[in-house]
C-alpha cells in the first residue's frame, strides 16, 4: 500500500471511529432501567442492615454477605459505562456518572446510594434526585 491510498483509508477509519465514539457517548440506558438498578442497590443495603444491624462500610460487604450478586452496570449520556460504587463522606455531586454510597456515619446522608450526575434524564429530571 502506498501513501496515496493509505492516507484516505486512515482518514475514513478515523472518521468512522470518531462517529462510533460520539454515538456511544451520546447514548444512555433508559431511565427506568437505571432507577430499577438504583432501587436494587438500596434494597440490598437495607437487607444488609437488617441482618448485620448496621449499615455497610462499603458495598463489598453487601456483596460478601450475598445481598447483592455484583455492582450493576450504569451508562449515562456523555459518560462511559461503569459498574462500580464510589464512596463519599457526604452527598456531593462530582459528575462521574456512576453510583455513589455515602459511608460516613457522621453525615446525615449516611447509607444513601445515589447517581453521581448533574445532568438530566430524558424527562428532564436530575439523576442525582432519584
Foldseek 3Di string as FASTA:
>chain_A
DDPVVVVVVVVVVVVVVVVVVQVQQQDFDAPVVVVVLQVLVLVLQVVCCVVVVDGDLDCVVSCVVVSDVAFDWGHDHNADIDRDEDEDCELDAPANQAKYANNNPVYPCHGDIFGRHQAAHPVRHGRRVD
